[in-house]
């Protein structure tokens, strides 16, 4: 069974940092892209960052570029999202996500709450 377990959220002051982790199980990690999405109250879910576990290529939303860093540890089947210089508008539930492929469906993790206070 494919599972994505997100953790690391919490309450942090503006300007602070958090590191989110997404532990994947039930599939061979290498060769898949893993993404982070977030959803703030009353807003649509939006993509934050994505990484290819095969070559480490990373992509970022404009709103987080330069502040967030995505990385992967294939040996641990884990993707990290290091979030620095957090802003109030980063407050959201963060989800990790494995996109669908030609032979498999897409999978979502359960989400972890990030709250940035002033």
N, C-alpha and C. Protein backbone atom coordinates (compact mmCIF):
# COMPACT_ATOMS: atom_id res chain seq x y z
N UNK A 1 0.83 -1.19 0.00
CA UNK A 1 0.00 0.00 0.00
C UNK A 1 0.87 1.25 0.00
N UNK A 2 0.61 2.14 -0.93
CA UNK A 2 1.37 3.39 -1.01
C UNK A 2 0.90 4.34 0.09
N UNK A 3 1.86 4.86 0.85
CA UNK A 3 1.53 5.83 1.89
C UNK A 3 2.56 6.96 1.87
N UNK A 4 2.08 8.15 2.17
CA UNK A 4 2.94 9.32 2.33
C UNK A 4 2.61 9.92 3.68
N UNK A 5 3.60 9.99 4.55
CA UNK A 5 3.40 10.47 5.92
C UNK A 5 4.13 11.78 6.10
N UNK A 6 3.36 12.86 6.19
CA UNK A 6 3.95 14.18 6.37
C UNK A 6 4.03 14.53 7.85
N UNK A 7 5.09 15.21 8.23
CA UNK A 7 5.26 15.65 9.62
C UNK A 7 6.16 16.87 9.66
N UNK A 8 6.28 17.46 10.85
CA UNK A 8 7.18 18.58 11.03
C UNK A 8 6.52 19.93 11.13
N UNK A 9 5.23 19.98 10.95
CA UNK A 9 4.54 21.26 11.05
C UNK A 9 4.50 21.74 12.50
N UNK A 10 4.04 22.95 12.67
CA UNK A 10 3.94 23.51 14.01
C UNK A 10 3.68 24.99 13.97
N UNK A 11 3.83 25.60 15.13
CA UNK A 11 3.63 27.05 15.27
C UNK A 11 5.00 27.72 15.34
N UNK A 12 5.19 28.74 14.51
CA UNK A 12 6.47 29.43 14.46
C UNK A 12 6.22 30.91 14.24
N UNK A 13 7.10 31.73 14.74
CA UNK A 13 6.96 33.17 14.53
C UNK A 13 7.43 33.54 13.13
N UNK A 14 6.89 34.62 12.63
CA UNK A 14 7.32 35.12 11.34
C UNK A 14 8.83 35.32 11.34
N UNK A 15 9.45 34.91 10.26
CA UNK A 15 10.91 34.97 10.16
C UNK A 15 11.60 33.69 10.60
N UNK A 16 10.85 32.80 11.21
CA UNK A 16 11.41 31.55 11.70
C UNK A 16 11.49 30.48 10.63
N UNK A 17 11.85 29.28 11.07
CA UNK A 17 12.06 28.17 10.15
C UNK A 17 11.38 26.91 10.66
N UNK A 18 11.02 26.07 9.72
CA UNK A 18 10.53 24.72 10.00
C UNK A 18 11.04 23.80 8.91
N UNK A 19 11.17 22.53 9.25
CA UNK A 19 11.49 21.53 8.25
C UNK A 19 10.41 20.45 8.25
N UNK A 20 9.77 20.31 7.12
CA UNK A 20 8.77 19.27 6.95
C UNK A 20 9.42 18.02 6.38
N UNK A 21 8.88 16.88 6.75
CA UNK A 21 9.35 15.60 6.23
C UNK A 21 8.17 14.85 5.62
N UNK A 22 8.43 14.15 4.56
CA UNK A 22 7.44 13.28 3.94
C UNK A 22 8.08 11.91 3.75
N UNK A 23 7.64 10.95 4.55
CA UNK A 23 8.18 9.60 4.46
C UNK A 23 7.25 8.77 3.58
N UNK A 24 7.83 8.19 2.55
CA UNK A 24 7.06 7.40 1.60
C UNK A 24 7.25 5.91 1.87
N UNK A 25 6.21 5.14 1.67
CA UNK A 25 6.30 3.69 1.80
C UNK A 25 5.39 3.03 0.78
N UNK A 26 5.67 1.78 0.50
CA UNK A 26 4.82 1.02 -0.41
C UNK A 26 5.23 1.12 -1.87
N UNK A 27 6.30 1.83 -2.15
CA UNK A 27 6.79 1.89 -3.52
C UNK A 27 8.27 2.24 -3.50
N UNK A 28 8.92 1.93 -4.60
CA UNK A 28 10.34 2.25 -4.73
C UNK A 28 10.49 3.73 -4.99
N UNK A 29 11.14 4.40 -4.08
CA UNK A 29 11.19 5.85 -4.09
C UNK A 29 11.86 6.41 -5.32
N UNK A 30 12.96 5.82 -5.68
CA UNK A 30 13.75 6.32 -6.79
C UNK A 30 12.94 6.28 -8.09
N UNK A 31 12.98 7.36 -8.81
CA UNK A 31 12.30 7.41 -10.09
C UNK A 31 11.00 8.16 -10.07
N UNK A 32 10.53 8.53 -8.90
CA UNK A 32 9.29 9.28 -8.80
C UNK A 32 9.56 10.73 -8.42
N UNK A 33 8.65 11.58 -8.84
CA UNK A 33 8.65 12.96 -8.35
C UNK A 33 7.75 13.03 -7.13
N UNK A 34 8.15 13.85 -6.18
CA UNK A 34 7.35 14.09 -4.99
C UNK A 34 7.17 15.60 -4.87
N UNK A 35 5.98 16.01 -4.55
CA UNK A 35 5.68 17.44 -4.46
C UNK A 35 5.10 17.79 -3.10
N UNK A 36 5.24 19.05 -2.76
CA UNK A 36 4.55 19.62 -1.60
C UNK A 36 3.49 20.61 -2.12
N UNK A 37 2.31 20.47 -1.58
CA UNK A 37 1.22 21.41 -1.81
C UNK A 37 0.83 22.01 -0.47
N UNK A 38 0.09 23.09 -0.53
CA UNK A 38 -0.45 23.65 0.71
C UNK A 38 -1.83 24.21 0.45
N UNK A 39 -2.60 24.26 1.52
CA UNK A 39 -3.94 24.82 1.43
C UNK A 39 -4.22 25.66 2.66
N UNK A 40 -4.43 26.94 2.42
CA UNK A 40 -4.78 27.86 3.49
C UNK A 40 -6.30 27.91 3.62
N UNK A 41 -6.80 28.30 4.79
CA UNK A 41 -8.25 28.37 4.99
C UNK A 41 -8.92 29.24 3.94
N UNK A 42 -9.94 28.72 3.31
CA UNK A 42 -10.69 29.47 2.33
C UNK A 42 -10.03 29.62 0.97
N UNK A 43 -8.90 28.96 0.80
CA UNK A 43 -8.17 29.07 -0.46
C UNK A 43 -8.01 27.70 -1.11
N UNK A 44 -7.72 27.72 -2.39
CA UNK A 44 -7.49 26.48 -3.11
C UNK A 44 -6.11 25.92 -2.77
N UNK A 45 -5.99 24.61 -2.92
CA UNK A 45 -4.70 23.98 -2.72
C UNK A 45 -3.76 24.43 -3.83
N UNK A 46 -2.53 24.74 -3.45
CA UNK A 46 -1.56 25.22 -4.43
C UNK A 46 -0.25 24.46 -4.31
N UNK A 47 0.42 24.32 -5.44
CA UNK A 47 1.72 23.67 -5.45
C UNK A 47 2.79 24.58 -4.86
N UNK A 48 3.66 24.01 -4.07
CA UNK A 48 4.72 24.76 -3.42
C UNK A 48 6.08 24.41 -4.03
N UNK A 49 6.34 23.11 -4.13
CA UNK A 49 7.64 22.68 -4.62
C UNK A 49 7.55 21.23 -5.05
N UNK A 50 8.49 20.84 -5.90
CA UNK A 50 8.50 19.48 -6.42
C UNK A 50 9.94 19.06 -6.66
N UNK A 51 10.23 17.79 -6.44
CA UNK A 51 11.56 17.28 -6.69
C UNK A 51 11.49 15.94 -7.38
N UNK A 52 12.41 15.73 -8.29
CA UNK A 52 12.55 14.42 -8.93
C UNK A 52 13.56 13.62 -8.11
N UNK A 53 13.17 12.47 -7.61
CA UNK A 53 14.08 11.68 -6.79
C UNK A 53 15.17 11.03 -7.63
N UNK A 54 15.00 10.99 -8.94
CA UNK A 54 15.99 10.33 -9.79
C UNK A 54 17.18 11.25 -10.10
N UNK A 55 16.91 12.54 -10.34
CA UNK A 55 18.03 13.44 -10.65
C UNK A 55 18.10 14.66 -9.75
N UNK A 56 17.18 14.77 -8.81
CA UNK A 56 17.23 15.88 -7.86
C UNK A 56 16.75 17.20 -8.40
N UNK A 57 16.20 17.22 -9.60
CA UNK A 57 15.68 18.47 -10.15
C UNK A 57 14.58 19.00 -9.25
N UNK A 58 14.63 20.29 -8.95
CA UNK A 58 13.68 20.89 -8.03
C UNK A 58 12.99 22.09 -8.66
N UNK A 59 11.74 22.29 -8.28
CA UNK A 59 10.95 23.40 -8.79
C UNK A 59 10.23 24.06 -7.61
N UNK A 60 10.07 25.36 -7.72
CA UNK A 60 9.46 26.11 -6.62
C UNK A 60 8.41 27.09 -7.14
N UNK A 61 7.38 27.27 -6.35
CA UNK A 61 6.44 28.34 -6.64
C UNK A 61 7.14 29.67 -6.43
N UNK A 62 6.70 30.66 -7.17
CA UNK A 62 7.35 31.97 -7.08
C UNK A 62 7.29 32.52 -5.65
N UNK A 63 6.21 32.22 -4.96
CA UNK A 63 5.99 32.79 -3.63
C UNK A 63 6.96 32.25 -2.58
N UNK A 64 7.61 31.11 -2.86
CA UNK A 64 8.51 30.52 -1.86
C UNK A 64 9.95 30.44 -2.35
N UNK A 65 10.18 30.79 -3.58
CA UNK A 65 11.52 30.67 -4.15
C UNK A 65 12.49 31.53 -3.36
N UNK A 66 13.62 30.95 -3.03
CA UNK A 66 14.63 31.67 -2.25
C UNK A 66 14.47 31.51 -0.75
N UNK A 67 13.31 31.01 -0.33
CA UNK A 67 13.06 30.81 1.10
C UNK A 67 12.92 29.32 1.46
N UNK A 68 12.36 28.54 0.56
CA UNK A 68 12.14 27.12 0.80
C UNK A 68 13.14 26.31 -0.02
N UNK A 69 13.54 25.18 0.53
CA UNK A 69 14.43 24.26 -0.18
C UNK A 69 13.89 22.84 -0.03
N UNK A 70 13.69 22.19 -1.16
CA UNK A 70 13.24 20.80 -1.15
C UNK A 70 14.43 19.89 -1.39
N UNK A 71 14.44 18.74 -0.72
CA UNK A 71 15.51 17.78 -0.90
C UNK A 71 14.96 16.39 -0.67
N UNK A 72 15.72 15.40 -1.10
CA UNK A 72 15.27 14.03 -0.91
C UNK A 72 16.41 13.16 -0.43
N UNK A 73 16.09 12.18 0.37
CA UNK A 73 17.03 11.16 0.83
C UNK A 73 16.45 9.83 0.38
N UNK A 74 16.94 9.34 -0.75
CA UNK A 74 16.36 8.12 -1.31
C UNK A 74 16.54 6.92 -0.39
N UNK A 75 17.62 6.89 0.35
CA UNK A 75 17.87 5.76 1.26
C UNK A 75 16.83 5.70 2.36
N UNK A 76 16.29 6.85 2.72
CA UNK A 76 15.27 6.92 3.77
C UNK A 76 13.86 7.08 3.20
N UNK A 77 13.75 7.07 1.88
CA UNK A 77 12.43 7.29 1.26
C UNK A 77 11.75 8.53 1.79
N UNK A 78 12.52 9.58 1.93
CA UNK A 78 12.01 10.79 2.58
C UNK A 78 12.33 12.03 1.74
N UNK A 79 11.34 12.89 1.65
CA UNK A 79 11.52 14.21 1.04
C UNK A 79 11.34 15.26 2.12
N UNK A 80 12.20 16.24 2.10
CA UNK A 80 12.17 17.31 3.10
C UNK A 80 11.80 18.64 2.44
N UNK A 81 11.19 19.49 3.21
CA UNK A 81 10.95 20.86 2.78
C UNK A 81 11.45 21.77 3.89
N UNK A 82 12.60 22.37 3.66
CA UNK A 82 13.15 23.33 4.61
C UNK A 82 12.54 24.69 4.31
N UNK A 83 11.88 25.24 5.31
CA UNK A 83 11.18 26.51 5.12
C UNK A 83 11.81 27.55 6.02
N UNK A 84 12.41 28.55 5.40
CA UNK A 84 13.07 29.64 6.13
C UNK A 84 12.34 30.95 5.88
N UNK A 85 12.62 31.92 6.71
CA UNK A 85 12.02 33.26 6.56
C UNK A 85 10.51 33.17 6.38
N UNK A 86 9.89 32.40 7.25
CA UNK A 86 8.46 32.16 7.11
C UNK A 86 7.66 33.43 7.28
N UNK A 87 6.59 33.52 6.49
CA UNK A 87 5.70 34.67 6.51
C UNK A 87 4.31 34.24 6.97
N UNK A 88 3.53 35.22 7.38
CA UNK A 88 2.17 34.91 7.81
C UNK A 88 1.40 34.16 6.73
N UNK A 89 1.65 34.55 5.48
CA UNK A 89 0.91 33.94 4.37
C UNK A 89 1.35 32.52 4.06
N UNK A 90 2.36 32.02 4.75
CA UNK A 90 2.75 30.62 4.60
C UNK A 90 1.90 29.70 5.46
N UNK A 91 1.06 30.28 6.31
CA UNK A 91 0.19 29.47 7.15
C UNK A 91 -0.76 28.65 6.29
N UNK A 92 -0.73 27.35 6.50
CA UNK A 92 -1.54 26.43 5.68
C UNK A 92 -1.33 25.01 6.18
N UNK A 93 -2.15 24.12 5.67
CA UNK A 93 -1.87 22.69 5.83
C UNK A 93 -1.03 22.28 4.63
N UNK A 94 0.08 21.63 4.92
CA UNK A 94 1.02 21.22 3.87
C UNK A 94 0.86 19.73 3.63
N UNK A 95 0.77 19.39 2.36
CA UNK A 95 0.57 18.00 1.95
C UNK A 95 1.71 17.56 1.04
N UNK A 96 2.14 16.33 1.19
CA UNK A 96 3.04 15.79 0.18
C UNK A 96 2.21 14.95 -0.79
N UNK A 97 2.72 14.82 -1.98
CA UNK A 97 1.93 14.31 -3.11
C UNK A 97 2.84 13.60 -4.08
N UNK A 98 2.39 12.42 -4.52
CA UNK A 98 3.10 11.73 -5.58
C UNK A 98 2.22 11.75 -6.82
N UNK A 99 2.67 12.39 -7.87
CA UNK A 99 1.85 12.49 -9.08
C UNK A 99 1.59 11.12 -9.69
N UNK A 100 0.53 11.05 -10.47
CA UNK A 100 0.22 9.83 -11.21
C UNK A 100 1.26 9.59 -12.29
N UNK A 101 1.44 8.34 -12.64
CA UNK A 101 2.30 7.97 -13.76
C UNK A 101 1.43 7.26 -14.79
N UNK A 102 2.05 6.76 -15.84
CA UNK A 102 1.30 6.06 -16.88
C UNK A 102 0.68 4.77 -16.35
N UNK A 103 1.21 4.27 -15.23
CA UNK A 103 0.73 2.98 -14.72
C UNK A 103 0.17 3.03 -13.30
N UNK A 104 0.25 4.18 -12.65
CA UNK A 104 -0.24 4.26 -11.27
C UNK A 104 -1.03 5.54 -11.06
N UNK A 105 -1.82 5.56 -10.00
CA UNK A 105 -2.57 6.75 -9.66
C UNK A 105 -1.73 7.71 -8.83
N UNK A 106 -2.33 8.83 -8.48
CA UNK A 106 -1.69 9.83 -7.65
C UNK A 106 -2.00 9.54 -6.18
N UNK A 107 -1.10 9.98 -5.30
CA UNK A 107 -1.30 9.75 -3.87
C UNK A 107 -1.03 11.02 -3.09
N UNK A 108 -1.86 11.24 -2.06
CA UNK A 108 -1.70 12.37 -1.16
C UNK A 108 -1.36 11.88 0.24
N UNK A 109 -0.49 12.63 0.92
CA UNK A 109 -0.28 12.40 2.34
C UNK A 109 -1.39 13.06 3.13
N UNK A 110 -1.34 12.92 4.45
CA UNK A 110 -2.46 13.37 5.29
C UNK A 110 -2.37 14.85 5.67
N UNK A 111 -1.27 15.51 5.44
CA UNK A 111 -1.15 16.92 5.74
C UNK A 111 -0.57 17.21 7.11
N UNK A 112 0.15 18.30 7.20
CA UNK A 112 0.69 18.78 8.47
C UNK A 112 0.48 20.29 8.54
N UNK A 113 0.02 20.75 9.69
CA UNK A 113 -0.35 22.15 9.83
C UNK A 113 0.87 23.02 10.12
N UNK A 114 1.02 24.08 9.36
CA UNK A 114 2.04 25.09 9.62
C UNK A 114 1.32 26.40 9.92
N UNK A 115 1.62 26.96 11.08
CA UNK A 115 1.02 28.23 11.48
C UNK A 115 2.13 29.22 11.79
N UNK A 116 2.10 30.33 11.08
CA UNK A 116 3.10 31.38 11.28
C UNK A 116 2.41 32.55 11.98
N UNK A 117 2.96 32.95 13.12
CA UNK A 117 2.36 34.03 13.91
C UNK A 117 3.22 35.29 13.85
N UNK A 118 2.58 36.41 14.11
CA UNK A 118 3.30 37.69 14.08
C UNK A 118 3.97 37.98 15.41
